[in-house]
Structures are given as C-alpha cells and as structure tokens.
Protein backbone atom coordinates (compact mmCIF):
# COMPACT_ATOMS: atom_id res chain seq x y z
CA MET A 1 95.79 85.56 98.82
CA ILE A 2 95.76 88.71 96.72
CA LYS A 3 99.21 90.29 96.49
CA LEU A 4 99.94 93.96 95.82
CA GLN A 5 103.31 95.21 94.57
CA VAL A 6 104.07 98.92 94.69
CA ILE A 7 107.05 100.90 93.43
CA GLY A 8 106.94 104.59 94.19
CA ASN A 9 108.20 107.51 96.22
CA LEU A 10 107.47 108.10 99.87
CA GLY A 11 105.16 111.07 100.32
CA ARG A 12 106.31 111.79 103.87
CA ASP A 13 108.69 110.49 106.50
CA CYS A 14 107.44 107.26 108.05
CA VAL A 15 105.88 107.16 111.50
CA VAL A 16 106.84 104.35 113.89
CA LYS A 17 104.20 103.55 116.52
CA GLU A 18 103.46 100.93 119.12
CA VAL A 19 99.90 99.62 118.95
CA ASN A 20 98.69 97.05 121.49
CA GLY A 21 102.28 96.06 122.27
CA LYS A 22 103.26 95.60 118.58
CA ASN A 23 105.34 97.93 116.40
CA VAL A 24 104.03 99.34 113.15
CA ILE A 25 105.73 101.56 110.59
CA ASN A 26 103.23 103.72 108.66
CA PHE A 27 104.17 105.41 105.39
CA SER A 28 102.56 106.44 102.11
CA VAL A 29 103.79 105.61 98.61
CA ALA A 30 102.87 107.64 95.52
CA ASN A 31 103.13 106.72 91.87
CA THR A 32 102.38 109.25 89.14
CA GLU A 33 101.19 108.05 85.75
CA ARG A 34 101.48 110.36 82.75
CA PHE A 35 99.22 109.80 79.76
CA LYS A 36 97.34 111.53 76.95
CA ASP A 37 93.57 111.77 77.09
CA ALA A 38 91.24 111.22 74.10
CA GLN A 39 91.83 114.82 72.95
CA GLY A 40 95.63 114.39 73.05
CA ASN A 41 96.15 116.51 76.18
CA LEU A 42 98.92 115.39 78.53
CA LYS A 43 97.46 114.36 81.90
CA GLU A 44 98.87 113.14 85.21
CA ARG A 45 97.23 110.86 87.75
CA THR A 46 98.83 110.14 91.11
CA THR A 47 97.83 107.04 93.05
CA TRP A 48 98.58 106.95 96.78
CA VAL A 49 98.88 103.76 98.82
CA GLU A 50 98.85 104.01 102.61
CA CYS A 51 101.15 101.31 104.01
CA ALA A 52 101.38 99.64 107.41
CA TYR A 53 104.39 97.44 108.11
CA TRP A 54 104.00 95.40 111.31
CA THR A 55 107.46 94.34 112.47
CA ASP A 56 109.60 94.01 115.59
CA ARG A 57 112.58 95.41 113.71
CA THR A 58 111.79 99.08 113.27
CA GLY A 59 115.34 100.20 112.40
CA ILE A 60 114.44 100.42 108.71
CA GLY A 61 112.23 103.35 109.65
CA GLN A 62 115.19 105.72 109.74
CA TYR A 63 115.65 105.16 106.00
CA LEU A 64 111.98 105.61 105.06
CA THR A 65 112.06 109.35 104.47
CA ARG A 66 110.14 111.62 102.12
CA GLY A 67 111.19 111.27 98.47
CA LYS A 68 112.93 107.88 98.79
CA THR A 69 111.94 105.28 96.24
CA VAL A 70 110.77 101.93 97.61
CA TYR A 71 109.41 98.62 96.44
CA ALA A 72 106.81 97.20 98.83
CA GLU A 73 104.87 93.98 98.63
CA GLY A 74 101.87 93.00 100.68
CA VAL A 75 98.16 92.42 101.05
CA PRO A 76 95.74 95.10 99.78
CA GLU A 77 92.96 96.56 101.89
CA ALA A 78 90.41 99.13 100.73
CA ASP A 79 88.37 101.44 102.97
CA ALA A 80 85.26 103.26 101.77
CA TYR A 81 84.10 106.34 103.69
CA MET A 82 82.30 109.67 103.39
CA ASN A 83 84.67 112.64 103.15
CA LYS A 84 84.11 115.97 104.90
CA ASP A 85 82.06 117.21 101.92
CA GLY A 86 79.69 114.25 102.21
CA GLN A 87 81.04 112.58 99.06
CA ALA A 88 81.82 108.87 98.85
CA ALA A 89 85.58 108.24 98.84
CA ALA A 90 87.98 105.31 99.17
CA THR A 91 91.50 104.72 100.43
CA LEU A 92 93.86 102.04 99.16
CA ARG A 93 95.90 100.52 101.98
CA MET A 94 98.48 97.76 102.09
CA ARG A 95 99.61 95.53 104.93
CA VAL A 96 103.28 95.31 103.99
CA LEU A 97 104.97 91.91 104.04
CA SER A 98 108.33 92.99 102.59
CA ILE A 99 110.01 96.22 101.62
CA GLN A 100 113.08 97.09 99.57
CA LEU A 101 114.83 100.47 99.47
CA LEU A 102 115.52 101.54 95.90
CA GLY A 103 117.10 104.93 96.60
CA GLY A 104 116.30 108.43 95.46
CA GLY A 105 115.42 111.40 97.60
CA GLU A 106 117.77 114.06 98.91
CA GLY A 107 117.86 115.70 95.47
CA GLN A 108 119.68 112.89 93.64
CA PRO A 109 118.40 109.77 91.92
CA GLY A 110 119.80 106.73 93.69
CA ALA A 111 121.17 108.71 96.64
CA ASN A 112 121.66 106.46 99.66
CA ALA A 113 120.08 103.54 97.84
CA GLY A 114 120.41 101.35 100.89
CA ASN A 115 120.73 98.11 98.91
CA VAL A 116 118.73 96.37 101.62
CA SER A 117 115.66 94.18 101.43
CA HIS A 118 113.59 93.77 104.59
CA THR A 119 111.07 90.94 104.96
CA ASN A 120 109.33 91.06 108.32
CA ASN A 121 112.10 89.80 110.60
CA THR A 122 114.88 89.10 108.11
CA VAL A 123 117.32 91.39 106.35
CA GLN A 124 118.99 90.33 103.12
CA PRO A 125 121.46 92.05 100.79
CA VAL A 126 119.89 92.97 97.47
CA VAL A 127 121.59 91.59 94.39
CA ARG A 128 121.80 94.34 91.76
CA THR A 129 123.59 93.78 88.45
CA ALA A 130 127.03 93.26 89.98
CA PRO A 131 128.50 89.85 89.12
CA VAL A 132 130.00 89.33 92.59
CA VAL A 133 127.89 89.68 95.72
CA THR A 134 129.33 89.60 99.20
CA ALA A 135 127.07 88.86 102.13
CA ALA A 136 127.15 91.32 105.03
CA ALA A 137 127.22 90.06 108.58
CA ASP A 138 124.08 90.90 110.59
CA ASP A 139 126.20 93.14 112.83
CA ASP A 140 127.11 95.32 109.84
CA LEU A 141 123.50 96.15 109.00
CA PRO A 142 121.95 99.28 110.50
CA PHE A 143 118.82 97.47 111.76
C-alpha cells in the first residue's frame, strides 16, 4: 500500500454526505511551499489535496472548518481530466484513514486545537509534550 501523509490548512468547511448508505466527510487541505527560483526570486506554490473520509462517526465534521490545521493520513488517488479550456489537468485525492486536529483557524494559531485523533471508528486523546496524560471517557468526547 502507498501511504500519503498531509499536514495543512483546510481550504473550506467540510461537507458531510451520505452516499449509497455510507457517510463521507469531504474536505480539502492546502500546503504552501515558499522557495527561491534559479534567479533568486521568492516564489510560492500551493498544493491542494481533496480528501474523502468514509466513516460512520461524522461528529468530527463540526471541527473541520476553513483555516484549521490538520494532519491526515491515507491512500492517494490521482485523477487526470481535461479542464474547461481543453488542457490536460490532474487532481490529487486521498482516501483518509485517520485524521488529527492540530488547531489554528479563527484568527489564532492553535485556537481550539481539539487534541483529538480520529481513526475511522476510534477516537484517542493525542499525547502532546505534557508529561502526564489523562484518558478521557468516550462520553466526554464530542463525537
């Protein structure tokens, strides 16, 4: 299996849908790379990854809002197509297997970080750099 790991900011609020009796959370993640070209000019390149997270537990969707920083892991899929101008184009997609909220958004770095990791049908507290970690009961989690 080829595995894709993405850390970036959500480009829009997620969309939760039901497709053929199964739930899917769709969202897009952007990562901007800054670099200097051969002439020394500062350039930016933004890579977008369209993500589909198939899960029965869609409660995490309320936290997947524009500007939030996430870590997502999954299986890559690429689609080639002709755009409206008749040019060849491609889209990078990922079937998400796990997602972790890293924070950000709402004008402040780390705002509402969530501290939650979500792997298909399990929710686990995320261990940051704190020496003591207390486990939350499933009833205390928002999804």
